Amino acid sequence: MSTFLIVAGLSYLLGSIPFGYLLVRIFRGEDVRRSGSGNIGATNVSRKSPALGAVTLLLDALKGSAAVVVAYRLSSSGWVKPLHVMAMAAFLAVGGHIFPIWLKFRGGKGVATSLGSYLVIAPKAVLVAVGIFIVVVAIFRYVSLASIIAVASLPLLFIFETPPLDDNWITLLFMTITSLLIIGRHHENIRRLLAGSESRVGSERT
């Protein structure tokens, strides 16, 4: 039980580090939440600075990977299956990014953190999901749509990557809940997509 609690706390805290907010505050002296979409993620940060946007994307992904690696290290000698603890860590890292305690629980949308987290658990599934993201952006020029489709595809891709589920269902469950959480976080984007008012790549808001 103590392992679960330690992993849960560390995963949330790692995920809650608001890199996008911090980078814009440090290097531009501005609050990224007061411009564009108001999001602290890489897409909105890149409007202030493409370089800072790229760094934000990398760091948001790395904090997810770090949470999962730490979970593996802490659980590998215990009685519980490390993969299950890693899946929980991925979910909580994404939750920390979306609901960071440091910003009154108003964070980003969790896409980069999710991909970074599950890259450790299911690398092939994540690489295919990234490919799907790139193709959708190239065709439709909607980052939000590409993010939703890529994240929604992860649980299905995980099923294809792993052997018959057996005890992998816990990992699949965490992955599915994480995907639903991220898709729910895109509710405003979904409304704009349906209304035909969502901004495309290169415009002011996504």
C-alpha atoms as a PDB file:
ATOM      1  CA  MET A   1       0.000   0.000   0.000  1.00  0.00           C
ATOM      2  CA  SER A   2       2.842   2.397   0.845  1.00  0.00           C
ATOM      3  CA  THR A   3       4.320   1.858  -2.632  1.00  0.00           C
ATOM      4  CA  PHE A   4       1.026   2.837  -4.244  1.00  0.00           C
ATOM      5  CA  LEU A   5       0.775   5.980  -2.125  1.00  0.00           C
ATOM      6  CA  ILE A   6       4.364   7.045  -2.800  1.00  0.00           C
ATOM      7  CA  VAL A   7       4.029   6.424  -6.532  1.00  0.00           C
ATOM      8  CA  ALA A   8       0.668   8.198  -6.619  1.00  0.00           C
ATOM      9  CA  GLY A   9       2.036  11.279  -4.874  1.00  0.00           C
ATOM     10  CA  LEU A  10       5.236  11.489  -6.902  1.00  0.00           C
ATOM     11  CA  SER A  11       3.421  10.910 -10.192  1.00  0.00           C
ATOM     12  CA  TYR A  12       0.904  13.640  -9.528  1.00  0.00           C
ATOM     13  CA  LEU A  13       3.596  16.100  -8.416  1.00  0.00           C
ATOM     14  CA  LEU A  14       5.778  15.381 -11.444  1.00  0.00           C
ATOM     15  CA  GLY A  15       2.812  15.773 -13.770  1.00  0.00           C
ATOM     16  CA  SER A  16       1.747  18.991 -12.086  1.00  0.00           C
ATOM     17  CA  ILE A  17       4.959  20.879 -12.930  1.00  0.00           C
ATOM     18  CA  PRO A  18       3.605  23.614 -15.264  1.00  0.00           C
ATOM     19  CA  PHE A  19       6.546  23.870 -17.627  1.00  0.00           C
ATOM     20  CA  GLY A  20       4.725  25.961 -20.227  1.00  0.00           C
ATOM     21  CA  TYR A  21       3.638  28.508 -17.642  1.00  0.00           C
ATOM     22  CA  LEU A  22       7.110  28.636 -16.071  1.00  0.00           C
ATOM     23  CA  LEU A  23       9.010  28.992 -19.342  1.00  0.00           C
ATOM     24  CA  VAL A  24       6.870  31.878 -20.592  1.00  0.00           C
ATOM     25  CA  ARG A  25       7.015  33.552 -17.188  1.00  0.00           C
ATOM     26  CA  ILE A  26      10.812  33.208 -16.960  1.00  0.00           C
ATOM     27  CA  PHE A  27      11.802  34.046 -20.537  1.00  0.00           C
ATOM     28  CA  ARG A  28       9.019  36.416 -21.589  1.00  0.00           C
ATOM     29  CA  GLY A  29       7.822  37.797 -18.267  1.00  0.00           C
ATOM     30  CA  GLU A  30       4.225  37.024 -19.230  1.00  0.00           C
ATOM     31  CA  ASP A  31       1.393  34.772 -18.095  1.00  0.00           C
ATOM     32  CA  VAL A  32       0.653  32.383 -20.963  1.00  0.00           C
ATOM     33  CA  ARG A  33      -2.828  31.828 -19.547  1.00  0.00           C
ATOM     34  CA  ARG A  34      -3.754  35.399 -20.508  1.00  0.00           C
ATOM     35  CA  SER A  35      -3.188  34.916 -24.236  1.00  0.00           C
ATOM     36  CA  GLY A  36      -4.412  32.687 -27.044  1.00  0.00           C
ATOM     37  CA  SER A  37      -6.426  29.766 -25.768  1.00  0.00           C
ATOM     38  CA  GLY A  38      -5.296  30.357 -22.185  1.00  0.00           C
ATOM     39  CA  ASN A  39      -3.766  26.887 -22.120  1.00  0.00           C
ATOM     40  CA  ILE A  40      -0.366  26.165 -20.550  1.00  0.00           C
ATOM     41  CA  GLY A  41       0.481  23.508 -23.135  1.00  0.00           C
ATOM     42  CA  ALA A  42       2.935  23.577 -26.016  1.00  0.00           C
ATOM     43  CA  THR A  43       0.445  24.730 -28.665  1.00  0.00           C
ATOM     44  CA  ASN A  44      -0.421  27.930 -26.827  1.00  0.00           C
ATOM     45  CA  VAL A  45       3.146  28.520 -25.631  1.00  0.00           C
ATOM     46  CA  SER A  46       4.373  28.299 -29.222  1.00  0.00           C
ATOM     47  CA  ARG A  47       2.340  31.412 -30.037  1.00  0.00           C
ATOM     48  CA  LYS A  48       4.615  33.327 -27.703  1.00  0.00           C
ATOM     49  CA  SER A  49       7.737  31.541 -28.891  1.00  0.00           C
ATOM     50  CA  PRO A  50       8.053  28.491 -31.166  1.00  0.00           C
ATOM     51  CA  ALA A  51      11.258  27.556 -29.354  1.00  0.00           C
ATOM     52  CA  LEU A  52       9.594  27.684 -25.942  1.00  0.00           C
ATOM     53  CA  GLY A  53       6.684  25.711 -27.388  1.00  0.00           C
ATOM     54  CA  ALA A  54       9.043  22.960 -28.520  1.00  0.00           C
ATOM     55  CA  VAL A  55      10.769  22.876 -25.125  1.00  0.00           C
ATOM     56  CA  THR A  56       7.392  22.757 -23.392  1.00  0.00           C
ATOM     57  CA  LEU A  57       6.325  19.817 -25.549  1.00  0.00           C
ATOM     58  CA  LEU A  58       9.515  17.947 -24.707  1.00  0.00           C
ATOM     59  CA  LEU A  59       9.394  18.660 -20.976  1.00  0.00           C
ATOM     60  CA  ASP A  60       5.686  17.838 -20.675  1.00  0.00           C
ATOM     61  CA  ALA A  61       6.358  14.485 -22.339  1.00  0.00           C
ATOM     62  CA  LEU A  62       9.476  13.821 -20.245  1.00  0.00           C
ATOM     63  CA  LYS A  63       7.706  14.428 -16.948  1.00  0.00           C
ATOM     64  CA  GLY A  64       5.199  11.743 -17.907  1.00  0.00           C
ATOM     65  CA  SER A  65       7.987   9.339 -18.820  1.00  0.00           C
ATOM     66  CA  ALA A  66       9.806  10.161 -15.580  1.00  0.00           C
ATOM     67  CA  ALA A  67       6.728   9.369 -13.488  1.00  0.00           C
ATOM     68  CA  VAL A  68       6.375   5.955 -15.127  1.00  0.00           C
ATOM     69  CA  VAL A  69      10.088   5.128 -14.798  1.00  0.00           C
ATOM     70  CA  VAL A  70      10.058   6.096 -11.117  1.00  0.00           C
ATOM     71  CA  ALA A  71       6.966   3.924 -10.627  1.00  0.00           C
ATOM     72  CA  TYR A  72       8.786   0.982 -12.205  1.00  0.00           C
ATOM     73  CA  ARG A  73      11.823   1.459  -9.993  1.00  0.00           C
ATOM     74  CA  LEU A  74       9.767   1.653  -6.829  1.00  0.00           C
ATOM     75  CA  SER A  75       7.520  -1.315  -7.636  1.00  0.00           C
ATOM     76  CA  SER A  76       9.916  -3.754  -9.321  1.00  0.00           C
ATOM     77  CA  SER A  77      10.877  -5.434  -6.038  1.00  0.00           C
ATOM     78  CA  GLY A  78       7.377  -5.546  -4.577  1.00  0.00           C
ATOM     79  CA  TRP A  79       4.497  -7.994  -4.784  1.00  0.00           C
ATOM     80  CA  VAL A  80       2.427  -5.972  -7.195  1.00  0.00           C
ATOM     81  CA  LYS A  81       2.943  -6.112 -10.963  1.00  0.00           C
ATOM     82  CA  PRO A  82       5.146  -3.160 -12.014  1.00  0.00           C
ATOM     83  CA  LEU A  83       3.104  -2.648 -15.184  1.00  0.00           C
ATOM     84  CA  HIS A  84      -0.023  -1.956 -13.164  1.00  0.00           C
ATOM     85  CA  VAL A  85       1.757   0.607 -10.985  1.00  0.00           C
ATOM     86  CA  MET A  86       3.264   2.205 -14.097  1.00  0.00           C
ATOM     87  CA  ALA A  87      -0.198   2.521 -15.644  1.00  0.00           C
ATOM     88  CA  MET A  88      -1.475   4.185 -12.492  1.00  0.00           C
ATOM     89  CA  ALA A  89       1.516   6.542 -12.540  1.00  0.00           C
ATOM     90  CA  ALA A  90       0.774   7.514 -16.149  1.00  0.00           C
ATOM     91  CA  PHE A  91      -2.826   8.333 -15.268  1.00  0.00           C
ATOM     92  CA  LEU A  92      -1.847  10.424 -12.250  1.00  0.00           C
ATOM     93  CA  ALA A  93       0.900  12.270 -14.138  1.00  0.00           C
ATOM     94  CA  VAL A  94      -1.671  13.283 -16.747  1.00  0.00           C
ATOM     95  CA  GLY A  95      -4.090  14.195 -13.970  1.00  0.00           C
ATOM     96  CA  GLY A  96      -1.400  16.354 -12.391  1.00  0.00           C
ATOM     97  CA  HIS A  97      -0.834  18.176 -15.670  1.00  0.00           C
ATOM     98  CA  ILE A  98      -4.545  18.809 -16.194  1.00  0.00           C
ATOM     99  CA  PHE A  99      -5.238  19.707 -12.530  1.00  0.00           C
ATOM    100  CA  PRO A 100      -2.002  21.195 -11.113  1.00  0.00           C
ATOM    101  CA  ILE A 101      -2.262  22.276  -7.511  1.00  0.00           C
ATOM    102  CA  TRP A 102       0.152  25.145  -8.208  1.00  0.00           C
ATOM    103  CA  LEU A 103      -2.243  26.821 -10.669  1.00  0.00           C
ATOM    104  CA  LYS A 104      -5.495  26.299  -8.764  1.00  0.00           C
ATOM    105  CA  PHE A 105      -6.088  23.016 -10.639  1.00  0.00           C
ATOM    106  CA  ARG A 106      -6.311  24.748 -14.028  1.00  0.00           C
ATOM    107  CA  GLY A 107      -3.692  23.196 -16.250  1.00  0.00           C
ATOM    108  CA  GLY A 108      -3.234  21.862 -19.748  1.00  0.00           C
ATOM    109  CA  LYS A 109      -4.925  19.152 -21.749  1.00  0.00           C
ATOM    110  CA  GLY A 110      -2.498  16.325 -21.090  1.00  0.00           C
ATOM    111  CA  VAL A 111      -1.712  15.101 -24.595  1.00  0.00           C
ATOM    112  CA  ALA A 112       2.078  15.416 -24.459  1.00  0.00           C
ATOM    113  CA  THR A 113       2.238  14.086 -20.892  1.00  0.00           C
ATOM    114  CA  SER A 114       0.071  11.144 -21.882  1.00  0.00           C
ATOM    115  CA  LEU A 115       2.231  10.247 -24.867  1.00  0.00           C
ATOM    116  CA  GLY A 116       5.393  10.586 -22.783  1.00  0.00           C
ATOM    117  CA  SER A 117       3.931   8.371 -20.066  1.00  0.00           C
ATOM    118  CA  TYR A 118       2.731   5.607 -22.351  1.00  0.00           C
ATOM    119  CA  LEU A 119       5.861   5.707 -24.491  1.00  0.00           C
ATOM    120  CA  VAL A 120       7.511   3.780 -21.646  1.00  0.00           C
ATOM    121  CA  ILE A 121       4.624   1.321 -21.306  1.00  0.00           C
ATOM    122  CA  ALA A 122       3.581   0.768 -24.925  1.00  0.00           C
ATOM    123  CA  PRO A 123       6.152   2.379 -27.250  1.00  0.00           C
ATOM    124  CA  LYS A 124       4.815   0.917 -30.491  1.00  0.00           C
ATOM    125  CA  ALA A 125       1.265   2.076 -29.742  1.00  0.00           C
ATOM    126  CA  VAL A 126       2.492   5.589 -28.959  1.00  0.00           C
ATOM    127  CA  LEU A 127       4.613   5.808 -32.106  1.00  0.00           C
ATOM    128  CA  VAL A 128       1.621   4.806 -34.226  1.00  0.00           C
ATOM    129  CA  ALA A 129      -0.544   7.334 -32.353  1.00  0.00           C
ATOM    130  CA  VAL A 130       2.020  10.059 -33.090  1.00  0.00           C
ATOM    131  CA  GLY A 131       1.906   9.050 -36.748  1.00  0.00           C
ATOM    132  CA  ILE A 132      -1.894   9.350 -36.676  1.00  0.00           C
ATOM    133  CA  PHE A 133      -1.564  12.798 -35.105  1.00  0.00           C
ATOM    134  CA  ILE A 134       0.804  13.986 -37.836  1.00  0.00           C
ATOM    135  CA  VAL A 135      -1.405  12.657 -40.635  1.00  0.00           C
ATOM    136  CA  VAL A 136      -4.571  14.267 -39.219  1.00  0.00           C
ATOM    137  CA  VAL A 137      -2.829  17.628 -38.758  1.00  0.00           C
ATOM    138  CA  ALA A 138      -1.422  17.452 -42.286  1.00  0.00           C
ATOM    139  CA  ILE A 139      -4.844  16.715 -43.787  1.00  0.00           C
ATOM    140  CA  PHE A 140      -7.214  18.787 -41.662  1.00  0.00           C
ATOM    141  CA  ARG A 141      -4.866  21.325 -39.990  1.00  0.00           C
ATOM    142  CA  TYR A 142      -6.655  20.958 -36.641  1.00  0.00           C
ATOM    143  CA  VAL A 143      -4.278  20.258 -33.747  1.00  0.00           C
ATOM    144  CA  SER A 144      -7.214  19.609 -31.424  1.00  0.00           C
ATOM    145  CA  LEU A 145      -8.806  17.060 -33.749  1.00  0.00           C
ATOM    146  CA  ALA A 146      -5.476  15.311 -34.251  1.00  0.00           C
ATOM    147  CA  SER A 147      -4.901  15.215 -30.487  1.00  0.00           C
ATOM    148  CA  ILE A 148      -8.345  13.755 -29.804  1.00  0.00           C
ATOM    149  CA  ILE A 149      -8.022  11.061 -32.467  1.00  0.00           C
ATOM    150  CA  ALA A 150      -4.464  10.138 -31.463  1.00  0.00           C
ATOM    151  CA  VAL A 151      -5.342   9.847 -27.772  1.00  0.00           C
ATOM    152  CA  ALA A 152      -8.553   7.927 -28.514  1.00  0.00           C
ATOM    153  CA  SER A 153      -6.576   5.430 -30.584  1.00  0.00           C
ATOM    154  CA  LEU A 154      -4.118   4.580 -27.804  1.00  0.00           C
ATOM    155  CA  PRO A 155      -6.200   1.942 -25.960  1.00  0.00           C
ATOM    156  CA  LEU A 156      -6.977   0.156 -29.238  1.00  0.00           C
ATOM    157  CA  LEU A 157      -3.351   0.283 -30.325  1.00  0.00           C
ATOM    158  CA  PHE A 158      -2.316  -1.078 -26.924  1.00  0.00           C
ATOM    159  CA  ILE A 159      -4.568  -4.101 -27.456  1.00  0.00           C
ATOM    160  CA  PHE A 160      -2.863  -4.818 -30.779  1.00  0.00           C
ATOM    161  CA  GLU A 161       0.627  -4.340 -29.323  1.00  0.00           C
ATOM    162  CA  THR A 162       0.224  -6.611 -26.292  1.00  0.00           C
ATOM    163  CA  PRO A 163      -0.510 -10.359 -26.086  1.00  0.00           C
ATOM    164  CA  PRO A 164      -4.068 -11.487 -25.244  1.00  0.00           C
ATOM    165  CA  LEU A 165      -5.181  -9.262 -22.393  1.00  0.00           C
ATOM    166  CA  ASP A 166      -4.995 -11.681 -19.455  1.00  0.00           C
ATOM    167  CA  ASP A 167      -3.910  -9.390 -16.604  1.00  0.00           C
ATOM    168  CA  ASN A 168      -3.177  -6.446 -18.890  1.00  0.00           C
ATOM    169  CA  TRP A 169      -6.754  -5.292 -18.450  1.00  0.00           C
ATOM    170  CA  ILE A 170      -5.730  -3.037 -15.547  1.00  0.00           C
ATOM    171  CA  THR A 171      -3.263  -1.209 -17.774  1.00  0.00           C
ATOM    172  CA  LEU A 172      -5.894  -0.975 -20.503  1.00  0.00           C
ATOM    173  CA  LEU A 173      -8.401   0.400 -17.990  1.00  0.00           C
ATOM    174  CA  PHE A 174      -6.039   3.150 -16.809  1.00  0.00           C
ATOM    175  CA  MET A 175      -5.157   3.990 -20.406  1.00  0.00           C
ATOM    176  CA  THR A 176      -8.818   4.199 -21.398  1.00  0.00           C
ATOM    177  CA  ILE A 177      -9.706   6.430 -18.446  1.00  0.00           C
ATOM    178  CA  THR A 178      -6.732   8.661 -19.254  1.00  0.00           C
ATOM    179  CA  SER A 179      -7.852   8.975 -22.874  1.00  0.00           C
ATOM    180  CA  LEU A 180     -11.408   9.834 -21.832  1.00  0.00           C
ATOM    181  CA  LEU A 181     -10.098  12.449 -19.395  1.00  0.00           C
ATOM    182  CA  ILE A 182      -8.031  14.114 -22.115  1.00  0.00           C
ATOM    183  CA  ILE A 183     -10.885  14.017 -24.622  1.00  0.00           C
ATOM    184  CA  GLY A 184     -13.180  15.543 -22.004  1.00  0.00           C
ATOM    185  CA  ARG A 185     -10.627  18.289 -21.458  1.00  0.00           C
ATOM    186  CA  HIS A 186     -11.051  19.126 -25.159  1.00  0.00           C
ATOM    187  CA  HIS A 187     -14.782  19.791 -24.756  1.00  0.00           C
ATOM    188  CA  GLU A 188     -14.490  23.397 -25.904  1.00  0.00           C
ATOM    189  CA  ASN A 189     -12.491  22.338 -28.966  1.00  0.00           C
ATOM    190  CA  ILE A 190     -15.095  19.697 -29.774  1.00  0.00           C
ATOM    191  CA  ARG A 191     -17.869  22.301 -29.646  1.00  0.00           C
ATOM    192  CA  ARG A 192     -15.914  24.578 -31.959  1.00  0.00           C
ATOM    193  CA  LEU A 193     -15.131  21.706 -34.332  1.00  0.00           C
ATOM    194  CA  LEU A 194     -18.823  20.863 -34.580  1.00  0.00           C
ATOM    195  CA  ALA A 195     -19.669  24.523 -35.101  1.00  0.00           C
ATOM    196  CA  GLY A 196     -16.973  24.928 -37.754  1.00  0.00           C
ATOM    197  CA  SER A 197     -15.259  27.696 -35.771  1.00  0.00           C
ATOM    198  CA  GLU A 198     -12.200  25.836 -34.524  1.00  0.00           C
ATOM    199  CA  SER A 199      -8.912  27.484 -35.440  1.00  0.00           C
ATOM    200  CA  ARG A 200      -6.544  25.717 -37.801  1.00  0.00           C
ATOM    201  CA  VAL A 201      -2.772  25.464 -37.649  1.00  0.00           C
ATOM    202  CA  GLY A 202      -1.279  28.919 -38.124  1.00  0.00           C
ATOM    203  CA  SER A 203      -4.265  30.820 -36.739  1.00  0.00           C
ATOM    204  CA  GLU A 204      -4.658  32.548 -33.409  1.00  0.00           C
ATOM    205  CA  ARG A 205      -6.299  29.900 -31.254  1.00  0.00           C
ATOM    206  CA  THR A 206      -6.508  26.083 -30.930  1.00  0.00           C
END
